[in-house]
């Protein structure tokens, strides 16, 4: 079985703060955000814990490049990306 890598966007309950990240274990990473495992982190400070977008990659370099691309984009581009698959900003962590 090949390794999978995930680029994801999470937000806060009001959908006003967006955080883009990368991981090889999306379910565990989202749990870390939800449980505020690092209380001084950006995501804990702004209560960013709702998974609203993710992409799956088999190649870590492709995932890293995609994360950089998303992070470099405007907020508007991130919103368009999220709304293209999740217009209601539902928490997708239940799919994992």
PDB file of N, CA and C in Angstrom:
ATOM      1  N   UNK A   1       0.848  -1.186   0.000  1.00  0.00           N
ATOM      2  CA  UNK A   1       0.000   0.000   0.000  1.00  0.00           C
ATOM      3  C   UNK A   1       0.887   1.240   0.000  1.00  0.00           C
ATOM      4  N   UNK A   2       0.596   2.163  -0.878  1.00  0.00           N
ATOM      5  CA  UNK A   2       1.421   3.361  -0.974  1.00  0.00           C
ATOM      6  C   UNK A   2       0.998   4.396   0.067  1.00  0.00           C
ATOM      7  N   UNK A   3       1.934   5.251   0.394  1.00  0.00           N
ATOM      8  CA  UNK A   3       1.697   6.320   1.360  1.00  0.00           C
ATOM      9  C   UNK A   3       0.830   7.402   0.718  1.00  0.00           C
ATOM     10  N   UNK A   4      -0.078   7.966   1.485  1.00  0.00           N
ATOM     11  CA  UNK A   4      -0.891   9.085   1.014  1.00  0.00           C
ATOM     12  C   UNK A   4      -0.525  10.335   1.790  1.00  0.00           C
ATOM     13  N   UNK A   5      -0.627  11.460   1.107  1.00  0.00           N
ATOM     14  CA  UNK A   5      -0.361  12.766   1.703  1.00  0.00           C
ATOM     15  C   UNK A   5      -1.569  13.648   1.433  1.00  0.00           C
ATOM     16  N   UNK A   6      -1.883  14.486   2.387  1.00  0.00           N
ATOM     17  CA  UNK A   6      -3.085  15.310   2.301  1.00  0.00           C
ATOM     18  C   UNK A   6      -2.728  16.782   2.452  1.00  0.00           C
ATOM     19  N   UNK A   7      -3.301  17.593   1.601  1.00  0.00           N
ATOM     20  CA  UNK A   7      -3.279  19.042   1.761  1.00  0.00           C
ATOM     21  C   UNK A   7      -4.696  19.408   2.174  1.00  0.00           C
ATOM     22  N   UNK A   8      -4.823  20.199   3.226  1.00  0.00           N
ATOM     23  CA  UNK A   8      -6.151  20.442   3.777  1.00  0.00           C
ATOM     24  C   UNK A   8      -6.326  21.896   4.176  1.00  0.00           C
ATOM     25  N   UNK A   9      -7.582  22.287   4.262  1.00  0.00           N
ATOM     26  CA  UNK A   9      -7.941  23.608   4.782  1.00  0.00           C
ATOM     27  C   UNK A   9      -8.940  23.381   5.907  1.00  0.00           C
ATOM     28  N   UNK A  10      -8.656  24.000   7.038  1.00  0.00           N
ATOM     29  CA  UNK A  10      -9.589  23.967   8.163  1.00  0.00           C
ATOM     30  C   UNK A  10      -9.974  25.402   8.501  1.00  0.00           C
ATOM     31  N   UNK A  11     -11.095  25.536   9.186  1.00  0.00           N
ATOM     32  CA  UNK A  11     -11.594  26.859   9.536  1.00  0.00           C
ATOM     33  C   UNK A  11     -12.182  26.833  10.945  1.00  0.00           C
ATOM     34  N   UNK A  12     -12.601  27.982  11.402  1.00  0.00           N
ATOM     35  CA  UNK A  12     -13.230  28.089  12.716  1.00  0.00           C
ATOM     36  C   UNK A  12     -14.752  27.949  12.557  1.00  0.00           C
ATOM     37  N   UNK A  13     -15.504  27.893  13.651  1.00  0.00           N
ATOM     38  CA  UNK A  13     -16.957  27.693  13.542  1.00  0.00           C
ATOM     39  C   UNK A  13     -17.679  28.760  12.712  1.00  0.00           C
ATOM     40  N   UNK A  14     -17.152  29.970  12.658  1.00  0.00           N
ATOM     41  CA  UNK A  14     -17.785  31.047  11.889  1.00  0.00           C
ATOM     42  C   UNK A  14     -17.255  31.148  10.462  1.00  0.00           C
ATOM     43  N   UNK A  15     -16.344  30.258  10.087  1.00  0.00           N
ATOM     44  CA  UNK A  15     -15.747  30.228   8.744  1.00  0.00           C
ATOM     45  C   UNK A  15     -15.016  31.525   8.392  1.00  0.00           C
ATOM     46  N   UNK A  16     -14.422  32.162   9.389  1.00  0.00           N
ATOM     47  CA  UNK A  16     -13.742  33.434   9.143  1.00  0.00           C
ATOM     48  C   UNK A  16     -12.222  33.317   9.119  1.00  0.00           C
ATOM     49  N   UNK A  17     -11.682  32.247   9.672  1.00  0.00           N
ATOM     50  CA  UNK A  17     -10.235  32.032   9.694  1.00  0.00           C
ATOM     51  C   UNK A  17      -9.939  30.761   8.909  1.00  0.00           C
ATOM     52  N   UNK A  18      -8.969  30.844   7.984  1.00  0.00           N
ATOM     53  CA  UNK A  18      -8.599  29.680   7.180  1.00  0.00           C
ATOM     54  C   UNK A  18      -7.159  29.295   7.470  1.00  0.00           C
ATOM     55  N   UNK A  19      -6.919  27.996   7.599  1.00  0.00           N
ATOM     56  CA  UNK A  19      -5.576  27.474   7.819  1.00  0.00           C
ATOM     57  C   UNK A  19      -5.347  26.350   6.825  1.00  0.00           C
ATOM     58  N   UNK A  20      -4.233  26.422   6.112  1.00  0.00           N
ATOM     59  CA  UNK A  20      -3.864  25.393   5.142  1.00  0.00           C
ATOM     60  C   UNK A  20      -2.688  24.604   5.684  1.00  0.00           C
ATOM     61  N   UNK A  21      -2.759  23.279   5.586  1.00  0.00           N
ATOM     62  CA  UNK A  21      -1.683  22.436   6.088  1.00  0.00           C
ATOM     63  C   UNK A  21      -1.481  21.202   5.238  1.00  0.00           C
ATOM     64  N   UNK A  22      -0.484  20.412   5.629  1.00  0.00           N
ATOM     65  CA  UNK A  22      -0.147  19.166   4.936  1.00  0.00           C
ATOM     66  C   UNK A  22       0.136  18.102   5.990  1.00  0.00           C
ATOM     67  N   UNK A  23      -0.229  16.860   5.696  1.00  0.00           N
ATOM     68  CA  UNK A  23      -0.008  15.761   6.634  1.00  0.00           C
ATOM     69  C   UNK A  23      -0.060  14.434   5.888  1.00  0.00           C
ATOM     70  N   UNK A  24       0.449  13.399   6.535  1.00  0.00           N
ATOM     71  CA  UNK A  24       0.303  12.060   5.958  1.00  0.00           C
ATOM     72  C   UNK A  24      -0.743  11.240   6.726  1.00  0.00           C
ATOM     73  N   UNK A  25      -1.387  11.855   7.709  1.00  0.00           N
ATOM     74  CA  UNK A  25      -2.450  11.194   8.472  1.00  0.00           C
ATOM     75  C   UNK A  25      -3.512  12.243   8.804  1.00  0.00           C
ATOM     76  N   UNK A  26      -4.427  12.435   7.886  1.00  0.00           N
ATOM     77  CA  UNK A  26      -5.390  13.532   8.015  1.00  0.00           C
ATOM     78  C   UNK A  26      -6.304  13.373   9.224  1.00  0.00           C
ATOM     79  N   UNK A  27      -6.778  12.176   9.480  1.00  0.00           N
ATOM     80  CA  UNK A  27      -7.680  11.971  10.619  1.00  0.00           C
ATOM     81  C   UNK A  27      -7.002  12.355  11.935  1.00  0.00           C
ATOM     82  N   UNK A  28      -5.771  11.907  12.126  1.00  0.00           N
ATOM     83  CA  UNK A  28      -5.039  12.237  13.360  1.00  0.00           C
ATOM     84  C   UNK A  28      -4.738  13.726  13.441  1.00  0.00           C
ATOM     85  N   UNK A  29      -4.379  14.316  12.307  1.00  0.00           N
ATOM     86  CA  UNK A  29      -4.042  15.744  12.305  1.00  0.00           C
ATOM     87  C   UNK A  29      -5.264  16.587  12.651  1.00  0.00           C
ATOM     88  N   UNK A  30      -6.404  16.242  12.091  1.00  0.00           N
ATOM     89  CA  UNK A  30      -7.630  16.981  12.409  1.00  0.00           C
ATOM     90  C   UNK A  30      -7.970  16.809  13.889  1.00  0.00           C
ATOM     91  N   UNK A  31      -7.802  15.605  14.421  1.00  0.00           N
ATOM     92  CA  UNK A  31      -8.029  15.388  15.853  1.00  0.00           C
ATOM     93  C   UNK A  31      -7.110  16.268  16.694  1.00  0.00           C
ATOM     94  N   UNK A  32      -5.853  16.417  16.273  1.00  0.00           N
ATOM     95  CA  UNK A  32      -4.924  17.290  16.997  1.00  0.00           C
ATOM     96  C   UNK A  32      -5.441  18.724  17.013  1.00  0.00           C
ATOM     97  N   UNK A  33      -5.949  19.185  15.879  1.00  0.00           N
ATOM     98  CA  UNK A  33      -6.512  20.542  15.827  1.00  0.00           C
ATOM     99  C   UNK A  33      -7.743  20.644  16.729  1.00  0.00           C
ATOM    100  N   UNK A  34      -8.633  19.673  16.648  1.00  0.00           N
ATOM    101  CA  UNK A  34      -9.865  19.709  17.443  1.00  0.00           C
ATOM    102  C   UNK A  34      -9.579  19.653  18.946  1.00  0.00           C
ATOM    103  N   UNK A  35      -8.567  18.866  19.334  1.00  0.00           N
ATOM    104  CA  UNK A  35      -8.227  18.706  20.749  1.00  0.00           C
ATOM    105  C   UNK A  35      -7.273  19.773  21.259  1.00  0.00           C
ATOM    106  N   UNK A  36      -6.843  20.662  20.362  1.00  0.00           N
ATOM    107  CA  UNK A  36      -5.906  21.737  20.717  1.00  0.00           C
ATOM    108  C   UNK A  36      -4.669  21.167  21.416  1.00  0.00           C
ATOM    109  N   UNK A  37      -4.069  20.145  20.783  1.00  0.00           N
ATOM    110  CA  UNK A  37      -2.892  19.489  21.352  1.00  0.00           C
ATOM    111  C   UNK A  37      -1.753  20.464  21.618  1.00  0.00           C
ATOM    112  N   UNK A  38      -1.652  21.511  20.825  1.00  0.00           N
ATOM    113  CA  UNK A  38      -0.654  22.552  21.057  1.00  0.00           C
ATOM    114  C   UNK A  38      -1.415  23.844  21.362  1.00  0.00           C
ATOM    115  N   UNK A  39      -1.679  24.122  22.645  1.00  0.00           N
ATOM    116  CA  UNK A  39      -2.545  25.240  23.019  1.00  0.00           C
ATOM    117  C   UNK A  39      -2.048  26.619  22.581  1.00  0.00           C
ATOM    118  N   UNK A  40      -0.764  26.734  22.260  1.00  0.00           N
ATOM    119  CA  UNK A  40      -0.224  28.031  21.840  1.00  0.00           C
ATOM    120  C   UNK A  40      -0.202  28.190  20.322  1.00  0.00           C
ATOM    121  N   UNK A  41      -0.695  27.193  19.612  1.00  0.00           N
ATOM    122  CA  UNK A  41      -0.655  27.230  18.149  1.00  0.00           C
ATOM    123  C   UNK A  41      -1.689  28.209  17.588  1.00  0.00           C
ATOM    124  N   UNK A  42      -1.476  28.593  16.341  1.00  0.00           N
ATOM    125  CA  UNK A  42      -2.410  29.460  15.626  1.00  0.00           C
ATOM    126  C   UNK A  42      -3.809  28.850  15.614  1.00  0.00           C
ATOM    127  N   UNK A  43      -3.878  27.559  15.308  1.00  0.00           N
ATOM    128  CA  UNK A  43      -5.189  26.918  15.184  1.00  0.00           C
ATOM    129  C   UNK A  43      -5.921  26.842  16.522  1.00  0.00           C
ATOM    130  N   UNK A  44      -5.197  26.651  17.600  1.00  0.00           N
ATOM    131  CA  UNK A  44      -5.828  26.631  18.921  1.00  0.00           C
ATOM    132  C   UNK A  44      -6.284  28.038  19.305  1.00  0.00           C
ATOM    133  N   UNK A  45      -5.439  29.015  19.040  1.00  0.00           N
ATOM    134  CA  UNK A  45      -5.749  30.404  19.394  1.00  0.00           C
ATOM    135  C   UNK A  45      -7.026  30.888  18.717  1.00  0.00           C
ATOM    136  N   UNK A  46      -7.210  30.505  17.463  1.00  0.00           N
ATOM    137  CA  UNK A  46      -8.363  30.977  16.693  1.00  0.00           C
ATOM    138  C   UNK A  46      -9.464  29.922  16.554  1.00  0.00           C
ATOM    139  N   UNK A  47      -9.377  28.846  17.328  1.00  0.00           N
ATOM    140  CA  UNK A  47     -10.387  27.781  17.343  1.00  0.00           C
ATOM    141  C   UNK A  47     -10.656  27.226  15.939  1.00  0.00           C
ATOM    142  N   UNK A  48      -9.572  27.014  15.208  1.00  0.00           N
ATOM    143  CA  UNK A  48      -9.651  26.492  13.847  1.00  0.00           C
ATOM    144  C   UNK A  48      -9.646  24.970  13.935  1.00  0.00           C
ATOM    145  N   UNK A  49     -10.809  24.354  13.711  1.00  0.00           N
ATOM    146  CA  UNK A  49     -10.908  22.908  13.941  1.00  0.00           C
ATOM    147  C   UNK A  49     -11.922  22.201  13.043  1.00  0.00           C
ATOM    148  N   UNK A  50     -12.407  22.876  12.018  1.00  0.00           N
ATOM    149  CA  UNK A  50     -13.408  22.278  11.125  1.00  0.00           C
ATOM    150  C   UNK A  50     -12.785  22.044   9.749  1.00  0.00           C
ATOM    151  N   UNK A  51     -12.672  20.784   9.366  1.00  0.00           N
ATOM    152  CA  UNK A  51     -12.101  20.425   8.067  1.00  0.00           C
ATOM    153  C   UNK A  51     -13.116  20.740   6.974  1.00  0.00           C
ATOM    154  N   UNK A  52     -12.738  21.640   6.046  1.00  0.00           N
ATOM    155  CA  UNK A  52     -13.678  22.030   4.993  1.00  0.00           C
ATOM    156  C   UNK A  52     -13.186  21.687   3.588  1.00  0.00           C
ATOM    157  N   UNK A  53     -11.919  21.271   3.472  1.00  0.00           N
ATOM    158  CA  UNK A  53     -11.375  20.957   2.148  1.00  0.00           C
ATOM    159  C   UNK A  53     -10.141  20.085   2.315  1.00  0.00           C
ATOM    160  N   UNK A  54      -9.979  19.124   1.401  1.00  0.00           N
ATOM    161  CA  UNK A  54      -8.721  18.379   1.363  1.00  0.00           C
ATOM    162  C   UNK A  54      -8.518  17.751   0.002  1.00  0.00           C
ATOM    163  N   UNK A  55      -7.258  17.517  -0.314  1.00  0.00           N
ATOM    164  CA  UNK A  55      -6.847  16.827  -1.531  1.00  0.00           C
ATOM    165  C   UNK A  55      -5.891  15.715  -1.124  1.00  0.00           C
ATOM    166  N   UNK A  56      -5.866  14.636  -1.896  1.00  0.00           N
ATOM    167  CA  UNK A  56      -5.025  13.477  -1.601  1.00  0.00           C
ATOM    168  C   UNK A  56      -3.955  13.351  -2.677  1.00  0.00           C
ATOM    169  N   UNK A  57      -2.718  13.067  -2.245  1.00  0.00           N
ATOM    170  CA  UNK A  57      -1.583  12.898  -3.151  1.00  0.00           C
ATOM    171  C   UNK A  57      -0.828  11.625  -2.795  1.00  0.00           C
ATOM    172  N   UNK A  58      -0.240  11.002  -3.790  1.00  0.00           N
ATOM    173  CA  UNK A  58       0.617   9.839  -3.552  1.00  0.00           C
ATOM    174  C   UNK A  58       2.080  10.243  -3.476  1.00  0.00           C
ATOM    175  N   UNK A  59       2.387  11.460  -3.905  1.00  0.00           N
ATOM    176  CA  UNK A  59       3.760  11.948  -3.946  1.00  0.00           C
ATOM    177  C   UNK A  59       3.890  13.140  -3.005  1.00  0.00           C
ATOM    178  N   UNK A  60       4.804  13.052  -2.052  1.00  0.00           N
ATOM    179  CA  UNK A  60       4.947  14.107  -1.052  1.00  0.00           C
ATOM    180  C   UNK A  60       5.345  15.439  -1.683  1.00  0.00           C
ATOM    181  N   UNK A  61       6.156  15.402  -2.737  1.00  0.00           N
ATOM    182  CA  UNK A  61       6.592  16.647  -3.368  1.00  0.00           C
ATOM    183  C   UNK A  61       5.437  17.354  -4.064  1.00  0.00           C
ATOM    184  N   UNK A  62       4.538  16.574  -4.660  1.00  0.00           N
ATOM    185  CA  UNK A  62       3.348  17.174  -5.266  1.00  0.00           C
ATOM    186  C   UNK A  62       2.467  17.805  -4.188  1.00  0.00           C
ATOM    187  N   UNK A  63       2.356  17.142  -3.052  1.00  0.00           N
ATOM    188  CA  UNK A  63       1.560  17.671  -1.947  1.00  0.00           C
ATOM    189  C   UNK A  63       2.165  18.965  -1.411  1.00  0.00           C
ATOM    190  N   UNK A  64       3.477  18.984  -1.242  1.00  0.00           N
ATOM    191  CA  UNK A  64       4.154  20.190  -0.751  1.00  0.00           C
ATOM    192  C   UNK A  64       3.951  21.342  -1.726  1.00  0.00           C
ATOM    193  N   UNK A  65       4.098  21.066  -3.009  1.00  0.00           N
ATOM    194  CA  UNK A  65       3.910  22.114  -4.011  1.00  0.00           C
ATOM    195  C   UNK A  65       2.478  22.636  -4.011  1.00  0.00           C
ATOM    196  N   UNK A  66       1.521  21.741  -3.844  1.00  0.00           N
ATOM    197  CA  UNK A  66       0.118  22.166  -3.811  1.00  0.00           C
ATOM    198  C   UNK A  66      -0.167  23.003  -2.575  1.00  0.00           C
ATOM    199  N   UNK A  67       0.394  22.612  -1.436  1.00  0.00           N
ATOM    200  CA  UNK A  67       0.215  23.404  -0.217  1.00  0.00           C
ATOM    201  C   UNK A  67       0.767  24.805  -0.425  1.00  0.00           C
ATOM    202  N   UNK A  68       1.949  24.913  -1.001  1.00  0.00           N
ATOM    203  CA  UNK A  68       2.551  26.223  -1.264  1.00  0.00           C
ATOM    204  C   UNK A  68       1.677  27.045  -2.200  1.00  0.00           C
ATOM    205  N   UNK A  69       1.130  26.380  -3.220  1.00  0.00           N
ATOM    206  CA  UNK A  69       0.272  27.064  -4.187  1.00  0.00           C
ATOM    207  C   UNK A  69      -0.979  27.626  -3.502  1.00  0.00           C
ATOM    208  N   UNK A  70      -1.607  26.816  -2.673  1.00  0.00           N
ATOM    209  CA  UNK A  70      -2.812  27.275  -1.971  1.00  0.00           C
ATOM    210  C   UNK A  70      -2.472  28.404  -1.008  1.00  0.00           C
ATOM    211  N   UNK A  71      -1.398  28.244  -0.239  1.00  0.00           N
ATOM    212  CA  UNK A  71      -1.011  29.276   0.726  1.00  0.00           C
ATOM    213  C   UNK A  71      -0.673  30.599   0.049  1.00  0.00           C
ATOM    214  N   UNK A  72      -0.105  30.526  -1.154  1.00  0.00           N
ATOM    215  CA  UNK A  72       0.274  31.741  -1.881  1.00  0.00           C
ATOM    216  C   UNK A  72      -0.937  32.441  -2.490  1.00  0.00           C
ATOM    217  N   UNK A  73      -2.036  31.728  -2.613  1.00  0.00           N
ATOM    218  CA  UNK A  73      -3.234  32.298  -3.220  1.00  0.00           C
ATOM    219  C   UNK A  73      -3.958  33.238  -2.266  1.00  0.00           C
ATOM    220  N   UNK A  74      -4.824  34.023  -2.832  1.00  0.00           N
ATOM    221  CA  UNK A  74      -5.604  34.973  -2.041  1.00  0.00           C
ATOM    222  C   UNK A  74      -6.667  34.246  -1.221  1.00  0.00           C
ATOM    223  N   UNK A  75      -7.205  34.942  -0.262  1.00  0.00           N
ATOM    224  CA  UNK A  75      -8.315  34.396   0.528  1.00  0.00           C
ATOM    225  C   UNK A  75      -9.485  34.045  -0.395  1.00  0.00           C
ATOM    226  N   UNK A  76      -9.739  34.910  -1.370  1.00  0.00           N
ATOM    227  CA  UNK A  76     -10.830  34.677  -2.316  1.00  0.00           C
ATOM    228  C   UNK A  76     -10.629  33.358  -3.062  1.00  0.00           C
ATOM    229  N   UNK A  77      -9.392  33.069  -3.464  1.00  0.00           N
ATOM    230  CA  UNK A  77      -9.111  31.812  -4.165  1.00  0.00           C
ATOM    231  C   UNK A  77      -9.348  30.612  -3.253  1.00  0.00           C
ATOM    232  N   UNK A  78      -8.982  30.744  -1.982  1.00  0.00           N
ATOM    233  CA  UNK A  78      -9.210  29.653  -1.034  1.00  0.00           C
ATOM    234  C   UNK A  78     -10.706  29.417  -0.838  1.00  0.00           C
ATOM    235  N   UNK A  79     -11.457  30.489  -0.735  1.00  0.00           N
ATOM    236  CA  UNK A  79     -12.909  30.371  -0.574  1.00  0.00           C
ATOM    237  C   UNK A  79     -13.531  29.710  -1.803  1.00  0.00           C
ATOM    238  N   UNK A  80     -13.091  30.116  -2.991  1.00  0.00           N
ATOM    239  CA  UNK A  80     -13.592  29.508  -4.227  1.00  0.00           C
ATOM    240  C   UNK A  80     -13.278  28.016  -4.255  1.00  0.00           C
ATOM    241  N   UNK A  81     -12.077  27.662  -3.829  1.00  0.00           N
ATOM    242  CA  UNK A  81     -11.663  26.259  -3.787  1.00  0.00           C
ATOM    243  C   UNK A  81     -12.554  25.460  -2.833  1.00  0.00           C
ATOM    244  N   UNK A  82     -12.748  25.980  -1.638  1.00  0.00           N
ATOM    245  CA  UNK A  82     -13.601  25.310  -0.648  1.00  0.00           C
ATOM    246  C   UNK A  82     -15.021  25.155  -1.187  1.00  0.00           C
ATOM    247  N   UNK A  83     -15.572  26.254  -1.685  1.00  0.00           N
ATOM    248  CA  UNK A  83     -16.967  26.239  -2.123  1.00  0.00           C
ATOM    249  C   UNK A  83     -17.192  25.389  -3.371  1.00  0.00           C
ATOM    250  N   UNK A  84     -16.122  25.067  -4.105  1.00  0.00           N
ATOM    251  CA  UNK A  84     -16.266  24.216  -5.286  1.00  0.00           C
ATOM    252  C   UNK A  84     -16.661  22.785  -4.909  1.00  0.00           C
ATOM    253  N   UNK A  85     -16.304  22.355  -3.699  1.00  0.00           N
ATOM    254  CA  UNK A  85     -16.666  21.000  -3.268  1.00  0.00           C
ATOM    255  C   UNK A  85     -17.502  20.981  -1.986  1.00  0.00           C
ATOM    256  N   UNK A  86     -17.511  22.099  -1.263  1.00  0.00           N
ATOM    257  CA  UNK A  86     -18.179  22.118   0.038  1.00  0.00           C
ATOM    258  C   UNK A  86     -18.835  23.488   0.262  1.00  0.00           C
ATOM    259  N   UNK A  87     -19.866  23.814  -0.518  1.00  0.00           N
ATOM    260  CA  UNK A  87     -20.459  25.152  -0.440  1.00  0.00           C
ATOM    261  C   UNK A  87     -21.090  25.480   0.908  1.00  0.00           C
ATOM    262  N   UNK A  88     -21.450  24.475   1.675  1.00  0.00           N
ATOM    263  CA  UNK A  88     -22.067  24.713   2.982  1.00  0.00           C
ATOM    264  C   UNK A  88     -21.063  24.687   4.131  1.00  0.00           C
ATOM    265  N   UNK A  89     -19.786  24.547   3.809  1.00  0.00           N
ATOM    266  CA  UNK A  89     -18.728  24.513   4.827  1.00  0.00           C
ATOM    267  C   UNK A  89     -19.002  23.452   5.896  1.00  0.00           C
ATOM    268  N   UNK A  90     -19.465  22.295   5.463  1.00  0.00           N
ATOM    269  CA  UNK A  90     -19.683  21.188   6.401  1.00  0.00           C
ATOM    270  C   UNK A  90     -18.338  20.639   6.861  1.00  0.00           C
ATOM    271  N   UNK A  91     -18.306  20.132   8.072  1.00  0.00           N
ATOM    272  CA  UNK A  91     -17.090  19.504   8.597  1.00  0.00           C
ATOM    273  C   UNK A  91     -16.923  18.150   7.914  1.00  0.00           C
ATOM    274  N   UNK A  92     -15.865  18.017   7.136  1.00  0.00           N
ATOM    275  CA  UNK A  92     -15.625  16.804   6.361  1.00  0.00           C
ATOM    276  C   UNK A  92     -14.885  15.724   7.146  1.00  0.00           C
ATOM    277  N   UNK A  93     -14.557  15.998   8.392  1.00  0.00           N
ATOM    278  CA  UNK A  93     -13.762  15.026   9.154  1.00  0.00           C
ATOM    279  C   UNK A  93     -14.512  13.714   9.372  1.00  0.00           C
ATOM    280  N   UNK A  94     -15.832  13.728   9.284  1.00  0.00           N
ATOM    281  CA  UNK A  94     -16.607  12.502   9.423  1.00  0.00           C
ATOM    282  C   UNK A  94     -16.403  11.531   8.271  1.00  0.00           C
ATOM    283  N   UNK A  95     -15.858  12.028   7.149  1.00  0.00           N
ATOM    284  CA  UNK A  95     -15.592  11.177   5.987  1.00  0.00           C
ATOM    285  C   UNK A  95     -14.320  10.355   6.153  1.00  0.00           C
ATOM    286  N   UNK A  96     -13.492  10.723   7.113  1.00  0.00           N
ATOM    287  CA  UNK A  96     -12.167  10.108   7.228  1.00  0.00           C
ATOM    288  C   UNK A  96     -12.210   8.768   7.933  1.00  0.00           C
TER     289      UNK A  96
END
